[in-house]
PDB file of all heavy atoms in Angstrom:
ATOM      1  N   VAL A   1       0.904  -1.196   0.022  1.00  0.00           N
ATOM      2  CA  VAL A   1      -0.013  -0.052   0.011  1.00  0.00           C
ATOM      3  C   VAL A   1       0.887   1.240   0.014  1.00  0.00           C
ATOM      4  O   VAL A   1       1.910   1.263   0.719  1.00  0.00           O
ATOM      5  CB  VAL A   1      -0.951   0.010   1.260  1.00  0.00           C
ATOM      6  CG1 VAL A   1      -0.234  -0.024   2.617  1.00  0.00           C
ATOM      7  CG2 VAL A   1      -1.982   1.248   1.056  1.00  0.00           C
ATOM      8  N   ARG A   2       0.417   2.248  -0.830  1.00  0.00           N
ATOM      9  CA  ARG A   2       1.286   3.519  -0.876  1.00  0.00           C
ATOM     10  C   ARG A   2       0.238   4.650  -0.811  1.00  0.00           C
ATOM     11  O   ARG A   2      -0.720   4.577  -1.575  1.00  0.00           O
ATOM     12  CB  ARG A   2       2.151   3.587  -2.079  1.00  0.00           C
ATOM     13  CG  ARG A   2       3.186   2.533  -2.212  1.00  0.00           C
ATOM     14  CD  ARG A   2       4.279   2.891  -3.172  1.00  0.00           C
ATOM     15  NE  ARG A   2       3.881   3.495  -4.468  1.00  0.00           N
ATOM     16  CZ  ARG A   2       3.544   2.703  -5.502  1.00  0.00           C
ATOM     17  NH1 ARG A   2       3.631   1.359  -5.437  1.00  0.00           N
ATOM     18  NH2 ARG A   2       3.178   3.273  -6.593  1.00  0.00           N
ATOM     19  N   TRP A   3       0.572   5.734  -0.323  1.00  0.00           N
ATOM     20  CA  TRP A   3      -0.178   6.947  -0.331  1.00  0.00           C
ATOM     21  C   TRP A   3       0.577   7.948  -1.175  1.00  0.00           C
ATOM     22  O   TRP A   3       1.764   8.211  -1.056  1.00  0.00           O
ATOM     23  CB  TRP A   3      -0.419   7.548   1.084  1.00  0.00           C
ATOM     24  CG  TRP A   3      -1.168   6.678   1.963  1.00  0.00           C
ATOM     25  CD1 TRP A   3      -0.683   5.744   2.806  1.00  0.00           C
ATOM     26  CD2 TRP A   3      -2.626   6.672   2.118  1.00  0.00           C
ATOM     27  NE1 TRP A   3      -1.737   5.074   3.476  1.00  0.00           N
ATOM     28  CE2 TRP A   3      -2.899   5.580   3.056  1.00  0.00           C
ATOM     29  CE3 TRP A   3      -3.588   7.365   1.598  1.00  0.00           C
ATOM     30  CZ2 TRP A   3      -4.193   5.276   3.492  1.00  0.00           C
ATOM     31  CZ3 TRP A   3      -4.892   7.028   1.906  1.00  0.00           C
ATOM     32  CH2 TRP A   3      -5.202   6.025   2.904  1.00  0.00           C
ATOM     33  N   GLU A   4      -0.110   8.487  -2.121  1.00  0.00           N
ATOM     34  CA  GLU A   4       0.571   9.316  -3.139  1.00  0.00           C
ATOM     35  C   GLU A   4      -0.573  10.241  -3.789  1.00  0.00           C
ATOM     36  O   GLU A   4      -1.686  10.283  -3.362  1.00  0.00           O
ATOM     37  CB  GLU A   4       1.363   8.556  -4.205  1.00  0.00           C
ATOM     38  CG  GLU A   4       0.459   7.553  -4.883  1.00  0.00           C
ATOM     39  CD  GLU A   4       1.277   6.668  -5.829  1.00  0.00           C
ATOM     40  OE1 GLU A   4       2.061   5.814  -5.315  1.00  0.00           O
ATOM     41  OE2 GLU A   4       1.151   6.752  -7.021  1.00  0.00           O
ATOM     42  N   ASP A   5      -0.118  10.933  -4.780  1.00  0.00           N
ATOM     43  CA  ASP A   5      -0.963  11.804  -5.619  1.00  0.00           C
ATOM     44  C   ASP A   5      -0.720  11.587  -7.012  1.00  0.00           C
ATOM     45  O   ASP A   5       0.333  11.410  -7.422  1.00  0.00           O
ATOM     46  CB  ASP A   5      -0.911  13.254  -5.093  1.00  0.00           C
ATOM     47  CG  ASP A   5      -2.017  14.080  -5.758  1.00  0.00           C
ATOM     48  OD1 ASP A   5      -3.183  13.607  -5.836  1.00  0.00           O
ATOM     49  OD2 ASP A   5      -1.892  15.232  -6.174  1.00  0.00           O
ATOM     50  N   GLU A   6      -1.796  11.682  -7.770  1.00  0.00           N
ATOM     51  CA  GLU A   6      -1.716  11.548  -9.268  1.00  0.00           C
ATOM     52  C   GLU A   6      -2.466  12.742  -9.815  1.00  0.00           C
ATOM     53  O   GLU A   6      -3.746  12.826  -9.733  1.00  0.00           O
ATOM     54  CB  GLU A   6      -2.331  10.245  -9.706  1.00  0.00           C
ATOM     55  CG  GLU A   6      -2.221  10.059 -11.170  1.00  0.00           C
ATOM     56  CD  GLU A   6      -2.761   8.588 -11.589  1.00  0.00           C
ATOM     57  OE1 GLU A   6      -2.293   7.584 -10.934  1.00  0.00           O
ATOM     58  OE2 GLU A   6      -3.631   8.566 -12.496  1.00  0.00           O
ATOM     59  N   PRO A   7      -1.821  13.706 -10.415  1.00  0.00           N
ATOM     60  CA  PRO A   7      -2.453  14.933 -10.753  1.00  0.00           C
ATOM     61  C   PRO A   7      -3.667  14.854 -11.705  1.00  0.00           C
ATOM     62  O   PRO A   7      -4.681  15.556 -11.531  1.00  0.00           O
ATOM     63  CB  PRO A   7      -1.267  15.731 -11.641  1.00  0.00           C
ATOM     64  CG  PRO A   7      -0.051  15.187 -11.041  1.00  0.00           C
ATOM     65  CD  PRO A   7      -0.384  13.770 -10.699  1.00  0.00           C
ATOM     66  N   GLY A   8      -3.732  13.747 -12.607  1.00  0.00           N
ATOM     67  CA  GLY A   8      -4.789  13.650 -13.493  1.00  0.00           C
ATOM     68  C   GLY A   8      -5.988  12.847 -12.887  1.00  0.00           C
ATOM     69  O   GLY A   8      -6.958  12.545 -13.551  1.00  0.00           O
ATOM     70  N   MET A   9      -5.875  12.439 -11.626  1.00  0.00           N
ATOM     71  CA  MET A   9      -6.930  11.535 -11.066  1.00  0.00           C
ATOM     72  C   MET A   9      -8.209  12.379 -10.884  1.00  0.00           C
ATOM     73  O   MET A   9      -8.169  13.495 -10.294  1.00  0.00           O
ATOM     74  CB  MET A   9      -6.417  11.083  -9.615  1.00  0.00           C
ATOM     75  CG  MET A   9      -7.264   9.940  -9.134  1.00  0.00           C
ATOM     76  SD  MET A   9      -6.990   8.348  -9.867  1.00  0.00           S
ATOM     77  CE  MET A   9      -8.018   7.287  -8.879  1.00  0.00           C
ATOM     78  N   PRO A  10      -9.294  11.912 -11.342  1.00  0.00           N
ATOM     79  CA  PRO A  10     -10.547  12.605 -11.144  1.00  0.00           C
ATOM     80  C   PRO A  10     -10.881  12.884  -9.730  1.00  0.00           C
ATOM     81  O   PRO A  10     -10.612  12.074  -8.835  1.00  0.00           O
ATOM     82  CB  PRO A  10     -11.625  11.742 -11.861  1.00  0.00           C
ATOM     83  CG  PRO A  10     -10.810  10.960 -12.774  1.00  0.00           C
ATOM     84  CD  PRO A  10      -9.449  10.642 -12.157  1.00  0.00           C
ATOM     85  N   ARG A  11     -11.448  14.028  -9.417  1.00  0.00           N
ATOM     86  CA  ARG A  11     -11.774  14.543  -8.120  1.00  0.00           C
ATOM     87  C   ARG A  11     -13.239  14.211  -7.895  1.00  0.00           C
ATOM     88  O   ARG A  11     -14.070  15.049  -8.273  1.00  0.00           O
ATOM     89  CB  ARG A  11     -11.366  15.916  -7.935  1.00  0.00           C
ATOM     90  CG  ARG A  11      -9.968  16.255  -8.130  1.00  0.00           C
ATOM     91  CD  ARG A  11      -8.992  15.312  -7.512  1.00  0.00           C
ATOM     92  NE  ARG A  11      -7.664  15.740  -7.373  1.00  0.00           N
ATOM     93  CZ  ARG A  11      -6.543  15.039  -7.041  1.00  0.00           C
ATOM     94  NH1 ARG A  11      -6.752  13.783  -6.709  1.00  0.00           N
ATOM     95  NH2 ARG A  11      -5.389  15.523  -7.102  1.00  0.00           N
ATOM     96  N   GLN A  12     -13.525  13.107  -7.241  1.00  0.00           N
ATOM     97  CA  GLN A  12     -14.929  12.731  -6.845  1.00  0.00           C
ATOM     98  C   GLN A  12     -14.867  12.299  -5.443  1.00  0.00           C
ATOM     99  O   GLN A  12     -13.792  12.212  -4.835  1.00  0.00           O
ATOM    100  CB  GLN A  12     -15.452  11.580  -7.843  1.00  0.00           C
ATOM    101  CG  GLN A  12     -15.494  11.940  -9.197  1.00  0.00           C
ATOM    102  CD  GLN A  12     -16.655  12.924  -9.539  1.00  0.00           C
ATOM    103  OE1 GLN A  12     -17.582  13.100  -8.698  1.00  0.00           O
ATOM    104  NE2 GLN A  12     -16.682  13.472 -10.727  1.00  0.00           N
ATOM    105  N   LYS A  13     -15.993  11.955  -4.809  1.00  0.00           N
ATOM    106  CA  LYS A  13     -16.053  11.444  -3.499  1.00  0.00           C
ATOM    107  C   LYS A  13     -15.307  10.149  -3.360  1.00  0.00           C
ATOM    108  O   LYS A  13     -14.638   9.840  -2.395  1.00  0.00           O
ATOM    109  CB  LYS A  13     -17.449  11.417  -2.967  1.00  0.00           C
ATOM    110  CG  LYS A  13     -18.102  12.804  -2.801  1.00  0.00           C
ATOM    111  CD  LYS A  13     -19.579  12.684  -2.371  1.00  0.00           C
ATOM    112  CE  LYS A  13     -20.160  14.144  -2.388  1.00  0.00           C
ATOM    113  NZ  LYS A  13     -21.622  14.084  -2.363  1.00  0.00           N
ATOM    114  N   LEU A  14     -15.485   9.346  -4.459  1.00  0.00           N
ATOM    115  CA  LEU A  14     -14.692   8.046  -4.517  1.00  0.00           C
ATOM    116  C   LEU A  14     -14.560   7.759  -5.992  1.00  0.00           C
ATOM    117  O   LEU A  14     -15.582   7.717  -6.699  1.00  0.00           O
ATOM    118  CB  LEU A  14     -15.404   6.920  -3.879  1.00  0.00           C
ATOM    119  CG  LEU A  14     -14.664   5.612  -3.687  1.00  0.00           C
ATOM    120  CD1 LEU A  14     -15.020   4.809  -2.500  1.00  0.00           C
ATOM    121  CD2 LEU A  14     -14.864   4.723  -5.030  1.00  0.00           C
ATOM    122  N   TYR A  15     -13.281   7.598  -6.384  1.00  0.00           N
ATOM    123  CA  TYR A  15     -12.953   7.209  -7.781  1.00  0.00           C
ATOM    124  C   TYR A  15     -11.968   6.063  -7.743  1.00  0.00           C
ATOM    125  O   TYR A  15     -10.888   6.278  -7.254  1.00  0.00           O
ATOM    126  CB  TYR A  15     -12.496   8.463  -8.572  1.00  0.00           C
ATOM    127  CG  TYR A  15     -12.472   8.179 -10.051  1.00  0.00           C
ATOM    128  CD1 TYR A  15     -13.514   8.757 -10.892  1.00  0.00           C
ATOM    129  CD2 TYR A  15     -11.566   7.378 -10.712  1.00  0.00           C
ATOM    130  CE1 TYR A  15     -13.535   8.528 -12.192  1.00  0.00           C
ATOM    131  CE2 TYR A  15     -11.580   7.097 -12.130  1.00  0.00           C
ATOM    132  CZ  TYR A  15     -12.609   7.759 -12.810  1.00  0.00           C
ATOM    133  OH  TYR A  15     -12.663   7.470 -14.216  1.00  0.00           O
ATOM    134  N   LEU A  16     -12.300   4.953  -8.252  1.00  0.00           N
ATOM    135  CA  LEU A  16     -11.445   3.785  -8.167  1.00  0.00           C
ATOM    136  C   LEU A  16     -10.973   3.308  -9.656  1.00  0.00           C
ATOM    137  O   LEU A  16     -11.843   3.100 -10.427  1.00  0.00           O
ATOM    138  CB  LEU A  16     -12.115   2.603  -7.520  1.00  0.00           C
ATOM    139  CG  LEU A  16     -11.312   1.351  -7.415  1.00  0.00           C
ATOM    140  CD1 LEU A  16     -10.195   1.508  -6.488  1.00  0.00           C
ATOM    141  CD2 LEU A  16     -12.239   0.178  -6.882  1.00  0.00           C
ATOM    142  N   ASN A  17      -9.724   3.271  -9.794  1.00  0.00           N
ATOM    143  CA  ASN A  17      -9.156   2.748 -11.061  1.00  0.00           C
ATOM    144  C   ASN A  17      -8.602   1.245 -10.725  1.00  0.00           C
ATOM    145  O   ASN A  17      -8.040   1.070  -9.598  1.00  0.00           O
ATOM    146  CB  ASN A  17      -7.964   3.446 -11.568  1.00  0.00           C
ATOM    147  CG  ASN A  17      -8.412   4.695 -12.288  1.00  0.00           C
ATOM    148  OD1 ASN A  17      -9.454   4.781 -12.914  1.00  0.00           O
ATOM    149  ND2 ASN A  17      -7.659   5.856 -12.094  1.00  0.00           N
ATOM    150  N   VAL A  18      -8.766   0.337 -11.593  1.00  0.00           N
ATOM    151  CA  VAL A  18      -8.392  -1.020 -11.464  1.00  0.00           C
ATOM    152  C   VAL A  18      -7.422  -1.381 -12.566  1.00  0.00           C
ATOM    153  O   VAL A  18      -7.692  -1.214 -13.750  1.00  0.00           O
ATOM    154  CB  VAL A  18      -9.616  -2.062 -11.528  1.00  0.00           C
ATOM    155  CG1 VAL A  18      -9.005  -3.458 -11.323  1.00  0.00           C
ATOM    156  CG2 VAL A  18     -10.588  -1.617 -10.421  1.00  0.00           C
ATOM    157  N   ASP A  19      -6.193  -1.853 -12.151  1.00  0.00           N
ATOM    158  CA  ASP A  19      -5.189  -2.360 -13.131  1.00  0.00           C
ATOM    159  C   ASP A  19      -4.669  -3.734 -12.755  1.00  0.00           C
ATOM    160  O   ASP A  19      -4.981  -4.287 -11.603  1.00  0.00           O
ATOM    161  CB  ASP A  19      -4.023  -1.324 -13.226  1.00  0.00           C
ATOM    162  CG  ASP A  19      -4.425   0.022 -13.588  1.00  0.00           C
ATOM    163  OD1 ASP A  19      -4.705   0.130 -14.781  1.00  0.00           O
ATOM    164  OD2 ASP A  19      -4.523   0.933 -12.729  1.00  0.00           O
ATOM    165  N   ASP A  20      -3.891  -4.313 -13.619  1.00  0.00           N
ATOM    166  CA  ASP A  20      -3.449  -5.774 -13.318  1.00  0.00           C
ATOM    167  C   ASP A  20      -2.046  -5.939 -13.613  1.00  0.00           C
ATOM    168  O   ASP A  20      -1.590  -6.691 -14.413  1.00  0.00           O
ATOM    169  CB  ASP A  20      -4.294  -6.811 -14.073  1.00  0.00           C
ATOM    170  CG  ASP A  20      -4.311  -6.501 -15.504  1.00  0.00           C
ATOM    171  OD1 ASP A  20      -3.760  -5.467 -15.951  1.00  0.00           O
ATOM    172  OD2 ASP A  20      -4.872  -7.346 -16.312  1.00  0.00           O
ATOM    173  N   PRO A  21      -1.104  -5.309 -12.788  1.00  0.00           N
ATOM    174  CA  PRO A  21       0.381  -5.500 -13.033  1.00  0.00           C
ATOM    175  C   PRO A  21       0.829  -6.658 -12.303  1.00  0.00           C
ATOM    176  O   PRO A  21       0.431  -6.996 -11.206  1.00  0.00           O
ATOM    177  CB  PRO A  21       0.952  -4.152 -12.394  1.00  0.00           C
ATOM    178  CG  PRO A  21       0.004  -3.884 -11.276  1.00  0.00           C
ATOM    179  CD  PRO A  21      -1.407  -4.318 -11.693  1.00  0.00           C
ATOM    180  N   ASP A  22       1.733  -7.451 -12.908  1.00  0.00           N
ATOM    181  CA  ASP A  22       2.532  -8.417 -12.266  1.00  0.00           C
ATOM    182  C   ASP A  22       1.800  -9.457 -11.456  1.00  0.00           C
ATOM    183  O   ASP A  22       1.951  -9.639 -10.225  1.00  0.00           O
ATOM    184  CB  ASP A  22       3.608  -7.828 -11.299  1.00  0.00           C
ATOM    185  CG  ASP A  22       4.456  -6.798 -12.044  1.00  0.00           C
ATOM    186  OD1 ASP A  22       4.794  -7.052 -13.213  1.00  0.00           O
ATOM    187  OD2 ASP A  22       4.978  -5.813 -11.382  1.00  0.00           O
ATOM    188  N   ASP A  23       0.731 -10.067 -12.064  1.00  0.00           N
ATOM    189  CA  ASP A  23      -0.011 -11.073 -11.432  1.00  0.00           C
ATOM    190  C   ASP A  23      -0.690 -10.575 -10.129  1.00  0.00           C
ATOM    191  O   ASP A  23      -0.856 -11.317  -9.117  1.00  0.00           O
ATOM    192  CB  ASP A  23       0.856 -12.326 -11.060  1.00  0.00           C
ATOM    193  CG  ASP A  23       1.356 -12.964 -12.318  1.00  0.00           C
ATOM    194  OD1 ASP A  23       0.672 -12.998 -13.302  1.00  0.00           O
ATOM    195  OD2 ASP A  23       2.553 -13.426 -12.249  1.00  0.00           O
ATOM    196  N   SER A  24      -1.090  -9.336 -10.138  1.00  0.00           N
ATOM    197  CA  SER A  24      -1.802  -8.703  -9.056  1.00  0.00           C
ATOM    198  C   SER A  24      -2.962  -8.052  -9.566  1.00  0.00           C
ATOM    199  O   SER A  24      -3.165  -7.764 -10.734  1.00  0.00           O
ATOM    200  CB  SER A  24      -0.923  -7.804  -8.274  1.00  0.00           C
ATOM    201  OG  SER A  24       0.205  -8.366  -7.698  1.00  0.00           O
ATOM    202  N   ILE A  25      -3.887  -7.583  -8.693  1.00  0.00           N
ATOM    203  CA  ILE A  25      -4.812  -6.486  -9.003  1.00  0.00           C
ATOM    204  C   ILE A  25      -4.426  -5.218  -8.160  1.00  0.00           C
ATOM    205  O   ILE A  25      -4.100  -5.325  -7.036  1.00  0.00           O
ATOM    206  CB  ILE A  25      -6.229  -6.878  -8.541  1.00  0.00           C
ATOM    207  CG1 ILE A  25      -6.753  -8.076  -9.301  1.00  0.00           C
ATOM    208  CG2 ILE A  25      -7.230  -5.748  -8.654  1.00  0.00           C
ATOM    209  CD1 ILE A  25      -7.038  -7.884 -10.791  1.00  0.00           C
ATOM    210  N   GLU A  26      -4.314  -4.047  -8.916  1.00  0.00           N
ATOM    211  CA  GLU A  26      -3.934  -2.860  -8.211  1.00  0.00           C
ATOM    212  C   GLU A  26      -5.074  -1.943  -8.249  1.00  0.00           C
ATOM    213  O   GLU A  26      -5.751  -1.727  -9.305  1.00  0.00           O
ATOM    214  CB  GLU A  26      -2.732  -2.278  -8.937  1.00  0.00           C
ATOM    215  CG  GLU A  26      -2.249  -1.018  -8.301  1.00  0.00           C
ATOM    216  CD  GLU A  26      -0.996  -0.449  -8.810  1.00  0.00           C
ATOM    217  OE1 GLU A  26      -1.104   0.287  -9.822  1.00  0.00           O
ATOM    218  OE2 GLU A  26       0.123  -0.755  -8.272  1.00  0.00           O
ATOM    219  N   PHE A  27      -5.484  -1.463  -7.094  1.00  0.00           N
ATOM    220  CA  PHE A  27      -6.517  -0.460  -6.891  1.00  0.00           C
ATOM    221  C   PHE A  27      -5.873   0.964  -6.698  1.00  0.00           C
ATOM    222  O   PHE A  27      -5.031   1.013  -5.768  1.00  0.00           O
ATOM    223  CB  PHE A  27      -7.393  -0.805  -5.734  1.00  0.00           C
ATOM    224  CG  PHE A  27      -8.081  -2.128  -5.820  1.00  0.00           C
ATOM    225  CD1 PHE A  27      -7.656  -3.215  -5.040  1.00  0.00           C
ATOM    226  CD2 PHE A  27      -9.010  -2.425  -6.762  1.00  0.00           C
ATOM    227  CE1 PHE A  27      -8.222  -4.386  -5.064  1.00  0.00           C
ATOM    228  CE2 PHE A  27      -9.575  -3.664  -6.875  1.00  0.00           C
ATOM    229  CZ  PHE A  27      -9.172  -4.657  -6.061  1.00  0.00           C
ATOM    230  N   THR A  28      -6.212   1.906  -7.489  1.00  0.00           N
ATOM    231  CA  THR A  28      -5.779   3.253  -7.282  1.00  0.00           C
ATOM    232  C   THR A  28      -7.114   4.061  -6.960  1.00  0.00           C
ATOM    233  O   THR A  28      -7.919   4.217  -7.849  1.00  0.00           O
ATOM    234  CB  THR A  28      -5.073   3.858  -8.527  1.00  0.00           C
ATOM    235  OG1 THR A  28      -3.965   2.934  -8.916  1.00  0.00           O
ATOM    236  CG2 THR A  28      -4.502   5.170  -8.229  1.00  0.00           C
ATOM    237  N   MET A  29      -7.224   4.536  -5.693  1.00  0.00           N
ATOM    238  CA  MET A  29      -8.430   5.182  -5.268  1.00  0.00           C
ATOM    239  C   MET A  29      -8.204   6.517  -4.742  1.00  0.00           C
ATOM    240  O   MET A  29      -7.420   6.674  -3.864  1.00  0.00           O
ATOM    241  CB  MET A  29      -9.200   4.274  -4.389  1.00  0.00           C
ATOM    242  CG  MET A  29     -10.569   4.659  -3.983  1.00  0.00           C
ATOM    243  SD  MET A  29     -11.517   3.491  -3.081  1.00  0.00           S
ATOM    244  CE  MET A  29     -10.813   3.788  -1.416  1.00  0.00           C
ATOM    245  N   SER A  30      -9.028   7.467  -5.288  1.00  0.00           N
ATOM    246  CA  SER A  30      -9.018   8.822  -4.697  1.00  0.00           C
ATOM    247  C   SER A  30     -10.356   9.139  -4.015  1.00  0.00           C
ATOM    248  O   SER A  30     -11.365   8.577  -4.476  1.00  0.00           O
ATOM    249  CB  SER A  30      -8.926   9.803  -5.844  1.00  0.00           C
ATOM    250  OG  SER A  30      -9.026  11.178  -5.432  1.00  0.00           O
ATOM    251  N   VAL A  31     -10.264   9.731  -2.877  1.00  0.00           N
ATOM    252  CA  VAL A  31     -11.494  10.034  -2.072  1.00  0.00           C
ATOM    253  C   VAL A  31     -11.432  11.402  -1.575  1.00  0.00           C
ATOM    254  O   VAL A  31     -10.513  12.016  -1.485  1.00  0.00           O
ATOM    255  CB  VAL A  31     -11.580   9.002  -0.882  1.00  0.00           C
ATOM    256  CG1 VAL A  31     -11.619   7.640  -1.270  1.00  0.00           C
ATOM    257  CG2 VAL A  31     -10.376   9.229   0.155  1.00  0.00           C
ATOM    258  N   ASP A  32     -12.635  11.899  -1.365  1.00  0.00           N
ATOM    259  CA  ASP A  32     -12.852  13.160  -0.748  1.00  0.00           C
ATOM    260  C   ASP A  32     -12.772  13.002   0.796  1.00  0.00           C
ATOM    261  O   ASP A  32     -13.468  12.209   1.417  1.00  0.00           O
ATOM    262  CB  ASP A  32     -14.278  13.701  -1.058  1.00  0.00           C
ATOM    263  CG  ASP A  32     -14.672  15.040  -0.536  1.00  0.00           C
ATOM    264  OD1 ASP A  32     -14.037  15.463   0.404  1.00  0.00           O
ATOM    265  OD2 ASP A  32     -15.543  15.675  -1.145  1.00  0.00           O
ATOM    266  N   THR A  33     -11.906  13.773   1.419  1.00  0.00           N
ATOM    267  CA  THR A  33     -11.577  13.570   2.830  1.00  0.00           C
ATOM    268  C   THR A  33     -12.641  14.032   3.726  1.00  0.00           C
ATOM    269  O   THR A  33     -12.597  13.793   4.975  1.00  0.00           O
ATOM    270  CB  THR A  33     -10.204  14.252   3.181  1.00  0.00           C
ATOM    271  OG1 THR A  33     -10.413  15.677   2.927  1.00  0.00           O
ATOM    272  CG2 THR A  33      -9.109  13.721   2.420  1.00  0.00           C
TER     273      THR A  33
END
């Protein structure tokens, strides 16, 4: 798990991207604090 920022990430209350690198599922999620 890593906390970071992605400038192009949409700003919604919850926005989840799903990717599949290296035999894993990766969730990149932005939330409204």
